PDB file of all heavy atoms in Angstrom:
ATOM      1  N   CYS A   1     -12.226 -14.305  -3.802  1.00  0.00           N
ATOM      2  CA  CYS A   1     -12.657 -12.929  -3.978  1.00  0.00           C
ATOM      3  C   CYS A   1     -11.458 -12.117  -4.453  1.00  0.00           C
ATOM      4  O   CYS A   1     -10.410 -12.120  -3.804  1.00  0.00           O
ATOM      5  CB  CYS A   1     -13.198 -12.371  -2.664  1.00  0.00           C
ATOM      6  SG  CYS A   1     -13.592 -10.606  -2.691  1.00  0.00           S
ATOM      7  N   VAL A   2     -11.610 -11.434  -5.570  1.00  0.00           N
ATOM      8  CA  VAL A   2     -10.553 -10.595  -6.120  1.00  0.00           C
ATOM      9  C   VAL A   2     -11.081  -9.178  -6.291  1.00  0.00           C
ATOM     10  O   VAL A   2     -12.126  -8.976  -6.905  1.00  0.00           O
ATOM     11  CB  VAL A   2     -10.036 -11.132  -7.463  1.00  0.00           C
ATOM     12  CG1 VAL A   2      -8.957 -10.210  -8.020  1.00  0.00           C
ATOM     13  CG2 VAL A   2      -9.491 -12.540  -7.302  1.00  0.00           C
ATOM     14  N   ALA A   3     -10.353  -8.219  -5.761  1.00  0.00           N
ATOM     15  CA  ALA A   3     -10.727  -6.815  -5.854  1.00  0.00           C
ATOM     16  C   ALA A   3      -9.710  -6.049  -6.680  1.00  0.00           C
ATOM     17  O   ALA A   3      -8.511  -6.316  -6.614  1.00  0.00           O
ATOM     18  CB  ALA A   3     -10.845  -6.193  -4.467  1.00  0.00           C
ATOM     19  N   SER A   4     -10.188  -5.086  -7.437  1.00  0.00           N
ATOM     20  CA  SER A   4      -9.328  -4.197  -8.207  1.00  0.00           C
ATOM     21  C   SER A   4      -9.526  -2.772  -7.727  1.00  0.00           C
ATOM     22  O   SER A   4     -10.573  -2.425  -7.177  1.00  0.00           O
ATOM     23  CB  SER A   4      -9.632  -4.296  -9.702  1.00  0.00           C
ATOM     24  OG  SER A   4     -10.976  -3.926  -9.973  1.00  0.00           O
ATOM     25  N   GLY A   5      -8.507  -1.941  -7.916  1.00  0.00           N
ATOM     26  CA  GLY A   5      -8.588  -0.564  -7.478  1.00  0.00           C
ATOM     27  C   GLY A   5      -8.167  -0.345  -6.038  1.00  0.00           C
ATOM     28  O   GLY A   5      -8.499   0.690  -5.457  1.00  0.00           O
ATOM     29  N   TYR A   6      -7.440  -1.295  -5.456  1.00  0.00           N
ATOM     30  CA  TYR A   6      -7.015  -1.213  -4.054  1.00  0.00           C
ATOM     31  C   TYR A   6      -5.518  -0.937  -3.905  1.00  0.00           C
ATOM     32  O   TYR A   6      -4.952  -1.194  -2.848  1.00  0.00           O
ATOM     33  CB  TYR A   6      -7.345  -2.511  -3.327  1.00  0.00           C
ATOM     34  CG  TYR A   6      -8.768  -2.616  -2.844  1.00  0.00           C
ATOM     35  CD1 TYR A   6      -9.809  -2.873  -3.723  1.00  0.00           C
ATOM     36  CD2 TYR A   6      -9.062  -2.458  -1.494  1.00  0.00           C
ATOM     37  CE1 TYR A   6     -11.109  -2.981  -3.275  1.00  0.00           C
ATOM     38  CE2 TYR A   6     -10.364  -2.569  -1.043  1.00  0.00           C
ATOM     39  CZ  TYR A   6     -11.383  -2.825  -1.938  1.00  0.00           C
ATOM     40  OH  TYR A   6     -12.677  -2.929  -1.483  1.00  0.00           O
ATOM     41  N   SER A   7      -4.882  -0.408  -4.910  1.00  0.00           N
ATOM     42  CA  SER A   7      -3.433  -0.235  -4.891  1.00  0.00           C
ATOM     43  C   SER A   7      -2.956   0.602  -3.709  1.00  0.00           C
ATOM     44  O   SER A   7      -1.906   0.316  -3.126  1.00  0.00           O
ATOM     45  CB  SER A   7      -2.970   0.399  -6.205  1.00  0.00           C
ATOM     46  OG  SER A   7      -3.234  -0.457  -7.306  1.00  0.00           O
ATOM     47  N   TYR A   8      -3.713   1.635  -3.351  1.00  0.00           N
ATOM     48  CA  TYR A   8      -3.309   2.533  -2.279  1.00  0.00           C
ATOM     49  C   TYR A   8      -4.347   2.634  -1.167  1.00  0.00           C
ATOM     50  O   TYR A   8      -4.339   3.580  -0.393  1.00  0.00           O
ATOM     51  CB  TYR A   8      -3.016   3.922  -2.841  1.00  0.00           C
ATOM     52  CG  TYR A   8      -1.976   3.909  -3.931  1.00  0.00           C
ATOM     53  CD1 TYR A   8      -2.341   4.024  -5.263  1.00  0.00           C
ATOM     54  CD2 TYR A   8      -0.633   3.770  -3.620  1.00  0.00           C
ATOM     55  CE1 TYR A   8      -1.390   3.995  -6.265  1.00  0.00           C
ATOM     56  CE2 TYR A   8       0.325   3.743  -4.609  1.00  0.00           C
ATOM     57  CZ  TYR A   8      -0.058   3.854  -5.926  1.00  0.00           C
ATOM     58  OH  TYR A   8       0.901   3.834  -6.917  1.00  0.00           O
ATOM     59  N   VAL A   9      -5.233   1.646  -1.075  1.00  0.00           N
ATOM     60  CA  VAL A   9      -6.311   1.645  -0.090  1.00  0.00           C
ATOM     61  C   VAL A   9      -6.336   0.294   0.615  1.00  0.00           C
ATOM     62  O   VAL A   9      -6.226  -0.752  -0.029  1.00  0.00           O
ATOM     63  CB  VAL A   9      -7.676   1.923  -0.743  1.00  0.00           C
ATOM     64  CG1 VAL A   9      -8.783   1.878   0.293  1.00  0.00           C
ATOM     65  CG2 VAL A   9      -7.655   3.267  -1.448  1.00  0.00           C
ATOM     66  N   SER A  10      -6.500   0.304   1.924  1.00  0.00           N
ATOM     67  CA  SER A  10      -6.645  -0.916   2.701  1.00  0.00           C
ATOM     68  C   SER A  10      -8.107  -1.133   3.074  1.00  0.00           C
ATOM     69  O   SER A  10      -8.882  -0.188   3.187  1.00  0.00           O
ATOM     70  CB  SER A  10      -5.782  -0.876   3.961  1.00  0.00           C
ATOM     71  OG  SER A  10      -6.163   0.213   4.785  1.00  0.00           O
ATOM     72  N   ALA A  11      -8.487  -2.391   3.265  1.00  0.00           N
ATOM     73  CA  ALA A  11      -9.873  -2.705   3.572  1.00  0.00           C
ATOM     74  C   ALA A  11      -9.967  -4.020   4.334  1.00  0.00           C
ATOM     75  O   ALA A  11      -9.132  -4.912   4.171  1.00  0.00           O
ATOM     76  CB  ALA A  11     -10.702  -2.790   2.292  1.00  0.00           C
ATOM     77  N   THR A  12     -11.003  -4.120   5.161  1.00  0.00           N
ATOM     78  CA  THR A  12     -11.354  -5.386   5.769  1.00  0.00           C
ATOM     79  C   THR A  12     -12.382  -6.061   4.867  1.00  0.00           C
ATOM     80  O   THR A  12     -13.200  -5.387   4.234  1.00  0.00           O
ATOM     81  CB  THR A  12     -11.913  -5.188   7.193  1.00  0.00           C
ATOM     82  OG1 THR A  12     -12.181  -6.457   7.783  1.00  0.00           O
ATOM     83  CG2 THR A  12     -13.192  -4.358   7.167  1.00  0.00           C
ATOM     84  N   THR A  13     -12.346  -7.383   4.792  1.00  0.00           N
ATOM     85  CA  THR A  13     -13.165  -8.122   3.844  1.00  0.00           C
ATOM     86  C   THR A  13     -13.984  -9.186   4.560  1.00  0.00           C
ATOM     87  O   THR A  13     -13.492  -9.845   5.479  1.00  0.00           O
ATOM     88  CB  THR A  13     -12.299  -8.793   2.773  1.00  0.00           C
ATOM     89  OG1 THR A  13     -11.449  -7.810   2.162  1.00  0.00           O
ATOM     90  CG2 THR A  13     -13.168  -9.432   1.694  1.00  0.00           C
ATOM     91  N   GLY A  14     -15.230  -9.362   4.119  1.00  0.00           N
ATOM     92  CA  GLY A  14     -16.096 -10.371   4.697  1.00  0.00           C
ATOM     93  C   GLY A  14     -16.798 -11.189   3.637  1.00  0.00           C
ATOM     94  O   GLY A  14     -16.967 -10.744   2.504  1.00  0.00           O
ATOM     95  N   TRP A  15     -17.192 -12.403   4.017  1.00  0.00           N
ATOM     96  CA  TRP A  15     -18.060 -13.245   3.204  1.00  0.00           C
ATOM     97  C   TRP A  15     -19.426 -13.263   3.862  1.00  0.00           C
ATOM     98  O   TRP A  15     -19.562 -13.642   5.031  1.00  0.00           O
ATOM     99  CB  TRP A  15     -17.508 -14.662   3.091  1.00  0.00           C
ATOM    100  CG  TRP A  15     -16.338 -14.792   2.178  1.00  0.00           C
ATOM    101  CD1 TRP A  15     -15.022 -14.813   2.508  1.00  0.00           C
ATOM    102  CD2 TRP A  15     -16.385 -14.924   0.751  1.00  0.00           C
ATOM    103  NE1 TRP A  15     -14.242 -14.957   1.396  1.00  0.00           N
ATOM    104  CE2 TRP A  15     -15.056 -15.026   0.290  1.00  0.00           C
ATOM    105  CE3 TRP A  15     -17.424 -14.972  -0.188  1.00  0.00           C
ATOM    106  CZ2 TRP A  15     -14.741 -15.165  -1.060  1.00  0.00           C
ATOM    107  CZ3 TRP A  15     -17.110 -15.107  -1.523  1.00  0.00           C
ATOM    108  CH2 TRP A  15     -15.775 -15.203  -1.944  1.00  0.00           C
ATOM    109  N   VAL A  16     -20.446 -12.844   3.119  1.00  0.00           N
ATOM    110  CA  VAL A  16     -21.814 -12.760   3.603  1.00  0.00           C
ATOM    111  C   VAL A  16     -22.681 -13.658   2.739  1.00  0.00           C
ATOM    112  O   VAL A  16     -22.589 -13.606   1.516  1.00  0.00           O
ATOM    113  CB  VAL A  16     -22.330 -11.307   3.562  1.00  0.00           C
ATOM    114  CG1 VAL A  16     -23.776 -11.237   4.035  1.00  0.00           C
ATOM    115  CG2 VAL A  16     -21.442 -10.409   4.419  1.00  0.00           C
ATOM    116  N   ARG A  17     -23.534 -14.473   3.349  1.00  0.00           N
ATOM    117  CA  ARG A  17     -24.388 -15.361   2.572  1.00  0.00           C
ATOM    118  C   ARG A  17     -25.855 -15.046   2.793  1.00  0.00           C
ATOM    119  O   ARG A  17     -26.261 -14.559   3.849  1.00  0.00           O
ATOM    120  CB  ARG A  17     -24.105 -16.835   2.885  1.00  0.00           C
ATOM    121  CG  ARG A  17     -24.485 -17.297   4.282  1.00  0.00           C
ATOM    122  CD  ARG A  17     -24.049 -18.748   4.469  1.00  0.00           C
ATOM    123  NE  ARG A  17     -24.380 -19.261   5.791  1.00  0.00           N
ATOM    124  CZ  ARG A  17     -23.995 -20.456   6.240  1.00  0.00           C
ATOM    125  NH1 ARG A  17     -23.260 -21.255   5.473  1.00  0.00           N
ATOM    126  NH2 ARG A  17     -24.339 -20.847   7.461  1.00  0.00           N
ATOM    127  N   GLN A  18     -26.650 -15.336   1.756  1.00  0.00           N
ATOM    128  CA  GLN A  18     -28.081 -15.109   1.771  1.00  0.00           C
ATOM    129  C   GLN A  18     -28.780 -16.344   1.227  1.00  0.00           C
ATOM    130  O   GLN A  18     -28.554 -16.736   0.085  1.00  0.00           O
ATOM    131  CB  GLN A  18     -28.447 -13.890   0.924  1.00  0.00           C
ATOM    132  CG  GLN A  18     -29.934 -13.584   0.885  1.00  0.00           C
ATOM    133  CD  GLN A  18     -30.425 -12.995   2.180  1.00  0.00           C
ATOM    134  OE1 GLN A  18     -30.043 -11.887   2.567  1.00  0.00           O
ATOM    135  NE2 GLN A  18     -31.283 -13.736   2.872  1.00  0.00           N
ATOM    136  N   ALA A  19     -29.622 -16.953   2.044  1.00  0.00           N
ATOM    137  CA  ALA A  19     -30.420 -18.101   1.635  1.00  0.00           C
ATOM    138  C   ALA A  19     -31.893 -17.735   1.697  1.00  0.00           C
ATOM    139  O   ALA A  19     -32.301 -16.936   2.547  1.00  0.00           O
ATOM    140  CB  ALA A  19     -30.138 -19.306   2.530  1.00  0.00           C
ATOM    141  N   PRO A  20     -32.727 -18.305   0.818  1.00  0.00           N
ATOM    142  CA  PRO A  20     -34.159 -18.005   0.844  1.00  0.00           C
ATOM    143  C   PRO A  20     -34.780 -18.297   2.196  1.00  0.00           C
ATOM    144  O   PRO A  20     -34.553 -19.365   2.775  1.00  0.00           O
ATOM    145  CB  PRO A  20     -34.731 -18.923  -0.241  1.00  0.00           C
ATOM    146  CG  PRO A  20     -33.584 -19.165  -1.168  1.00  0.00           C
ATOM    147  CD  PRO A  20     -32.374 -19.216  -0.281  1.00  0.00           C
ATOM    148  N   GLY A  21     -35.557 -17.337   2.709  1.00  0.00           N
ATOM    149  CA  GLY A  21     -36.233 -17.520   3.981  1.00  0.00           C
ATOM    150  C   GLY A  21     -35.364 -17.345   5.205  1.00  0.00           C
ATOM    151  O   GLY A  21     -35.844 -17.536   6.328  1.00  0.00           O
ATOM    152  N   LYS A  22     -34.091 -16.979   5.021  1.00  0.00           N
ATOM    153  CA  LYS A  22     -33.195 -16.798   6.149  1.00  0.00           C
ATOM    154  C   LYS A  22     -32.593 -15.393   6.131  1.00  0.00           C
ATOM    155  O   LYS A  22     -32.524 -14.748   5.093  1.00  0.00           O
ATOM    156  CB  LYS A  22     -32.077 -17.834   6.132  1.00  0.00           C
ATOM    157  CG  LYS A  22     -32.549 -19.267   6.326  1.00  0.00           C
ATOM    158  CD  LYS A  22     -31.375 -20.216   6.427  1.00  0.00           C
ATOM    159  CE  LYS A  22     -31.827 -21.641   6.688  1.00  0.00           C
ATOM    160  NZ  LYS A  22     -30.676 -22.575   6.800  1.00  0.00           N
ATOM    161  N   GLU A  23     -32.150 -14.944   7.287  1.00  0.00           N
ATOM    162  CA  GLU A  23     -31.525 -13.642   7.403  1.00  0.00           C
ATOM    163  C   GLU A  23     -30.132 -13.663   6.785  1.00  0.00           C
ATOM    164  O   GLU A  23     -29.459 -14.693   6.751  1.00  0.00           O
ATOM    165  CB  GLU A  23     -31.429 -13.218   8.866  1.00  0.00           C
ATOM    166  CG  GLU A  23     -32.766 -13.019   9.554  1.00  0.00           C
ATOM    167  CD  GLU A  23     -32.610 -12.580  11.000  1.00  0.00           C
ATOM    168  OE1 GLU A  23     -31.469 -12.598  11.509  1.00  0.00           O
ATOM    169  OE2 GLU A  23     -33.618 -12.205  11.610  1.00  0.00           O
ATOM    170  N   ARG A  24     -29.726 -12.506   6.282  1.00  0.00           N
ATOM    171  CA  ARG A  24     -28.378 -12.361   5.777  1.00  0.00           C
ATOM    172  C   ARG A  24     -27.390 -12.595   6.912  1.00  0.00           C
ATOM    173  O   ARG A  24     -27.582 -12.105   8.024  1.00  0.00           O
ATOM    174  CB  ARG A  24     -28.204 -10.971   5.167  1.00  0.00           C
ATOM    175  CG  ARG A  24     -26.883 -10.739   4.480  1.00  0.00           C
ATOM    176  CD  ARG A  24     -26.934  -9.493   3.614  1.00  0.00           C
ATOM    177  NE  ARG A  24     -27.481  -8.359   4.339  1.00  0.00           N
ATOM    178  CZ  ARG A  24     -27.727  -7.174   3.794  1.00  0.00           C
ATOM    179  NH1 ARG A  24     -27.468  -6.976   2.502  1.00  0.00           N
ATOM    180  NH2 ARG A  24     -28.235  -6.189   4.522  1.00  0.00           N
ATOM    181  N   GLU A  25     -26.333 -13.344   6.651  1.00  0.00           N
ATOM    182  CA  GLU A  25     -25.424 -13.779   7.693  1.00  0.00           C
ATOM    183  C   GLU A  25     -23.975 -13.544   7.295  1.00  0.00           C
ATOM    184  O   GLU A  25     -23.559 -13.912   6.197  1.00  0.00           O
ATOM    185  CB  GLU A  25     -25.641 -15.270   7.995  1.00  0.00           C
ATOM    186  CG  GLU A  25     -24.700 -15.849   9.036  1.00  0.00           C
ATOM    187  CD  GLU A  25     -24.871 -17.341   9.210  1.00  0.00           C
ATOM    188  OE1 GLU A  25     -25.227 -18.016   8.214  1.00  0.00           O
ATOM    189  OE2 GLU A  25     -24.662 -17.835  10.335  1.00  0.00           O
ATOM    190  N   LEU A  26     -23.209 -12.948   8.202  1.00  0.00           N
ATOM    191  CA  LEU A  26     -21.765 -12.852   8.014  1.00  0.00           C
ATOM    192  C   LEU A  26     -21.150 -14.215   8.318  1.00  0.00           C
ATOM    193  O   LEU A  26     -21.227 -14.699   9.447  1.00  0.00           O
ATOM    194  CB  LEU A  26     -21.165 -11.783   8.922  1.00  0.00           C
ATOM    195  CG  LEU A  26     -19.635 -11.687   8.905  1.00  0.00           C
ATOM    196  CD1 LEU A  26     -19.140 -11.226   7.535  1.00  0.00           C
ATOM    197  CD2 LEU A  26     -19.127 -10.753   9.998  1.00  0.00           C
ATOM    198  N   VAL A  27     -20.550 -14.823   7.317  1.00  0.00           N
ATOM    199  CA  VAL A  27     -19.952 -16.144   7.471  1.00  0.00           C
ATOM    200  C   VAL A  27     -18.555 -16.044   8.066  1.00  0.00           C
ATOM    201  O   VAL A  27     -18.201 -16.771   8.999  1.00  0.00           O
ATOM    202  CB  VAL A  27     -19.907 -16.881   6.122  1.00  0.00           C
ATOM    203  CG1 VAL A  27     -19.208 -18.225   6.263  1.00  0.00           C
ATOM    204  CG2 VAL A  27     -21.319 -17.061   5.578  1.00  0.00           C
ATOM    205  N   ALA A  28     -17.743 -15.148   7.521  1.00  0.00           N
ATOM    206  CA  ALA A  28     -16.367 -14.985   7.971  1.00  0.00           C
ATOM    207  C   ALA A  28     -15.855 -13.618   7.564  1.00  0.00           C
ATOM    208  O   ALA A  28     -16.281 -13.050   6.560  1.00  0.00           O
ATOM    209  CB  ALA A  28     -15.461 -16.081   7.398  1.00  0.00           C
ATOM    210  N   GLY A  29     -14.917 -13.080   8.336  1.00  0.00           N
ATOM    211  CA  GLY A  29     -14.299 -11.807   8.028  1.00  0.00           C
ATOM    212  C   GLY A  29     -12.817 -11.859   8.331  1.00  0.00           C
ATOM    213  O   GLY A  29     -12.369 -12.648   9.163  1.00  0.00           O
ATOM    214  N   ILE A  30     -12.045 -10.988   7.663  1.00  0.00           N
ATOM    215  CA  ILE A  30     -10.600 -10.980   7.838  1.00  0.00           C
ATOM    216  C   ILE A  30     -10.077  -9.558   7.745  1.00  0.00           C
ATOM    217  O   ILE A  30     -10.604  -8.734   6.991  1.00  0.00           O
ATOM    218  CB  ILE A  30      -9.916 -11.898   6.799  1.00  0.00           C
ATOM    219  CG1 ILE A  30      -8.451 -12.138   7.154  1.00  0.00           C
ATOM    220  CG2 ILE A  30     -10.065 -11.324   5.395  1.00  0.00           C
ATOM    221  CD1 ILE A  30      -7.825 -13.275   6.357  1.00  0.00           C
ATOM    222  N   GLY A  31      -9.038  -9.251   8.527  1.00  0.00           N
ATOM    223  CA  GLY A  31      -8.429  -7.935   8.517  1.00  0.00           C
ATOM    224  C   GLY A  31      -7.494  -7.740   7.345  1.00  0.00           C
ATOM    225  O   GLY A  31      -7.180  -8.678   6.600  1.00  0.00           O
ATOM    226  N   TRP A  32      -7.016  -6.514   7.175  1.00  0.00           N
ATOM    227  CA  TRP A  32      -6.184  -6.159   6.036  1.00  0.00           C
ATOM    228  C   TRP A  32      -4.885  -6.951   6.004  1.00  0.00           C
ATOM    229  O   TRP A  32      -4.430  -7.348   4.930  1.00  0.00           O
ATOM    230  CB  TRP A  32      -5.901  -4.653   6.054  1.00  0.00           C
ATOM    231  CG  TRP A  32      -5.032  -4.187   4.939  1.00  0.00           C
ATOM    232  CD1 TRP A  32      -3.765  -3.671   5.029  1.00  0.00           C
ATOM    233  CD2 TRP A  32      -5.364  -4.173   3.548  1.00  0.00           C
ATOM    234  NE1 TRP A  32      -3.290  -3.343   3.795  1.00  0.00           N
ATOM    235  CE2 TRP A  32      -4.252  -3.633   2.855  1.00  0.00           C
ATOM    236  CE3 TRP A  32      -6.489  -4.561   2.813  1.00  0.00           C
ATOM    237  CZ2 TRP A  32      -4.234  -3.476   1.473  1.00  0.00           C
ATOM    238  CZ3 TRP A  32      -6.467  -4.413   1.436  1.00  0.00           C
ATOM    239  CH2 TRP A  32      -5.351  -3.874   0.789  1.00  0.00           C
ATOM    240  N   GLU A  33      -4.278  -7.183   7.166  1.00  0.00           N
ATOM    241  CA  GLU A  33      -3.004  -7.895   7.223  1.00  0.00           C
ATOM    242  C   GLU A  33      -3.165  -9.411   7.182  1.00  0.00           C
ATOM    243  O   GLU A  33      -2.161 -10.127   7.111  1.00  0.00           O
ATOM    244  CB  GLU A  33      -2.226  -7.486   8.470  1.00  0.00           C
ATOM    245  CG  GLU A  33      -1.836  -6.013   8.501  1.00  0.00           C
ATOM    246  CD  GLU A  33      -0.899  -5.637   7.375  1.00  0.00           C
ATOM    247  OE1 GLU A  33      -0.161  -6.520   6.878  1.00  0.00           O
ATOM    248  OE2 GLU A  33      -0.877  -4.454   6.978  1.00  0.00           O
ATOM    249  N   GLY A  34      -4.394  -9.907   7.257  1.00  0.00           N
ATOM    250  CA  GLY A  34      -4.630 -11.330   7.149  1.00  0.00           C
ATOM    251  C   GLY A  34      -4.378 -12.135   8.407  1.00  0.00           C
ATOM    252  O   GLY A  34      -4.327 -13.370   8.343  1.00  0.00           O
ATOM    253  N   GLN A  35      -4.224 -11.484   9.552  1.00  0.00           N
ATOM    254  CA  GLN A  35      -3.939 -12.176  10.807  1.00  0.00           C
ATOM    255  C   GLN A  35      -5.166 -12.318  11.699  1.00  0.00           C
ATOM    256  O   GLN A  35      -5.299 -13.319  12.396  1.00  0.00           O
ATOM    257  CB  GLN A  35      -2.831 -11.454  11.575  1.00  0.00           C
ATOM    258  CG  GLN A  35      -1.514 -11.364  10.822  1.00  0.00           C
ATOM    259  CD  GLN A  35      -0.950 -12.722  10.480  1.00  0.00           C
ATOM    260  OE1 GLN A  35      -0.933 -13.632  11.320  1.00  0.00           O
ATOM    261  NE2 GLN A  35      -0.485 -12.874   9.247  1.00  0.00           N
ATOM    262  N   GLN A  36      -6.049 -11.332  11.679  1.00  0.00           N
ATOM    263  CA  GLN A  36      -7.255 -11.366  12.493  1.00  0.00           C
ATOM    264  C   GLN A  36      -8.431 -11.847  11.653  1.00  0.00           C
ATOM    265  O   GLN A  36      -8.563 -11.468  10.492  1.00  0.00           O
ATOM    266  CB  GLN A  36      -7.563  -9.980  13.063  1.00  0.00           C
ATOM    267  CG  GLN A  36      -6.458  -9.388  13.912  1.00  0.00           C
ATOM    268  CD  GLN A  36      -6.833  -8.034  14.469  1.00  0.00           C
ATOM    269  OE1 GLN A  36      -7.871  -7.882  15.112  1.00  0.00           O
ATOM    270  NE2 GLN A  36      -5.996  -7.048  14.219  1.00  0.00           N
ATOM    271  N   SER A  37      -9.294 -12.673  12.245  1.00  0.00           N
ATOM    272  CA  SER A  37     -10.445 -13.203  11.529  1.00  0.00           C
ATOM    273  C   SER A  37     -11.592 -13.468  12.486  1.00  0.00           C
ATOM    274  O   SER A  37     -11.407 -13.548  13.702  1.00  0.00           O
ATOM    275  CB  SER A  37     -10.076 -14.484  10.777  1.00  0.00           C
ATOM    276  OG  SER A  37      -9.636 -15.489  11.672  1.00  0.00           O
ATOM    277  N   THR A  38     -12.790 -13.614  11.935  1.00  0.00           N
ATOM    278  CA  THR A  38     -13.968 -13.931  12.716  1.00  0.00           C
ATOM    279  C   THR A  38     -14.836 -14.901  11.921  1.00  0.00           C
ATOM    280  O   THR A  38     -14.815 -14.898  10.687  1.00  0.00           O
ATOM    281  CB  THR A  38     -14.764 -12.661  13.070  1.00  0.00           C
ATOM    282  OG1 THR A  38     -15.836 -12.991  13.959  1.00  0.00           O
ATOM    283  CG2 THR A  38     -15.346 -12.020  11.817  1.00  0.00           C
ATOM    284  N   TYR A  39     -15.594 -15.740  12.631  1.00  0.00           N
ATOM    285  CA  TYR A  39     -16.436 -16.738  11.990  1.00  0.00           C
ATOM    286  C   TYR A  39     -17.789 -16.812  12.670  1.00  0.00           C
ATOM    287  O   TYR A  39     -17.902 -16.623  13.886  1.00  0.00           O
ATOM    288  CB  TYR A  39     -15.804 -18.127  12.044  1.00  0.00           C
ATOM    289  CG  TYR A  39     -14.503 -18.254  11.299  1.00  0.00           C
ATOM    290  CD1 TYR A  39     -13.292 -18.051  11.947  1.00  0.00           C
ATOM    291  CD2 TYR A  39     -14.486 -18.575   9.950  1.00  0.00           C
ATOM    292  CE1 TYR A  39     -12.094 -18.165  11.260  1.00  0.00           C
ATOM    293  CE2 TYR A  39     -13.293 -18.693   9.257  1.00  0.00           C
ATOM    294  CZ  TYR A  39     -12.099 -18.483   9.924  1.00  0.00           C
ATOM    295  OH  TYR A  39     -10.917 -18.597   9.240  1.00  0.00           O
ATOM    296  N   ALA A  40     -18.822 -17.110  11.887  1.00  0.00           N
ATOM    297  CA  ALA A  40     -20.118 -17.421  12.462  1.00  0.00           C
ATOM    298  C   ALA A  40     -20.040 -18.751  13.201  1.00  0.00           C
ATOM    299  O   ALA A  40     -19.294 -19.653  12.810  1.00  0.00           O
ATOM    300  CB  ALA A  40     -21.179 -17.492  11.365  1.00  0.00           C
ATOM    301  N   ASP A  41     -20.814 -18.877  14.275  1.00  0.00           N
ATOM    302  CA  ASP A  41     -20.797 -20.113  15.051  1.00  0.00           C
ATOM    303  C   ASP A  41     -21.159 -21.332  14.204  1.00  0.00           C
ATOM    304  O   ASP A  41     -20.677 -22.438  14.462  1.00  0.00           O
ATOM    305  CB  ASP A  41     -21.755 -20.011  16.235  1.00  0.00           C
ATOM    306  CG  ASP A  41     -21.276 -19.047  17.296  1.00  0.00           C
ATOM    307  OD1 ASP A  41     -20.063 -18.769  17.354  1.00  0.00           O
ATOM    308  OD2 ASP A  41     -22.123 -18.566  18.076  1.00  0.00           O
ATOM    309  N   THR A  42     -21.987 -21.128  13.202  1.00  0.00           N
ATOM    310  CA  THR A  42     -22.450 -22.235  12.375  1.00  0.00           C
ATOM    311  C   THR A  42     -21.374 -22.820  11.463  1.00  0.00           C
ATOM    312  O   THR A  42     -21.550 -23.912  10.929  1.00  0.00           O
ATOM    313  CB  THR A  42     -23.634 -21.793  11.501  1.00  0.00           C
ATOM    314  OG1 THR A  42     -23.294 -20.589  10.812  1.00  0.00           O
ATOM    315  CG2 THR A  42     -24.863 -21.547  12.367  1.00  0.00           C
ATOM    316  N   VAL A  43     -20.254 -22.103  11.274  1.00  0.00           N
ATOM    317  CA  VAL A  43     -19.219 -22.581  10.361  1.00  0.00           C
ATOM    318  C   VAL A  43     -17.871 -22.770  11.037  1.00  0.00           C
ATOM    319  O   VAL A  43     -16.924 -23.236  10.388  1.00  0.00           O
ATOM    320  CB  VAL A  43     -19.055 -21.648   9.145  1.00  0.00           C
ATOM    321  CG1 VAL A  43     -20.392 -21.431   8.454  1.00  0.00           C
ATOM    322  CG2 VAL A  43     -18.437 -20.315   9.568  1.00  0.00           C
ATOM    323  N   LYS A  44     -17.745 -22.435  12.303  1.00  0.00           N
ATOM    324  CA  LYS A  44     -16.473 -22.585  13.007  1.00  0.00           C
ATOM    325  C   LYS A  44     -15.994 -24.029  12.964  1.00  0.00           C
ATOM    326  O   LYS A  44     -16.751 -24.957  13.199  1.00  0.00           O
ATOM    327  CB  LYS A  44     -16.615 -22.123  14.456  1.00  0.00           C
ATOM    328  CG  LYS A  44     -16.695 -20.623  14.627  1.00  0.00           C
ATOM    329  CD  LYS A  44     -16.799 -20.241  16.094  1.00  0.00           C
ATOM    330  CE  LYS A  44     -16.854 -18.735  16.262  1.00  0.00           C
ATOM    331  NZ  LYS A  44     -17.009 -18.338  17.684  1.00  0.00           N
TER     332      LYS A  44
END
């Protein structure tokens, strides 16, 4: 994932997946500094 326009802005980033017939799911997320993260139980 590559973002542009973030030179002076910080953000937390997540990967979200969508499969037919299933609910939208947060797969993984990470903080701005890259040290904190979270994962769905299905992908840990």
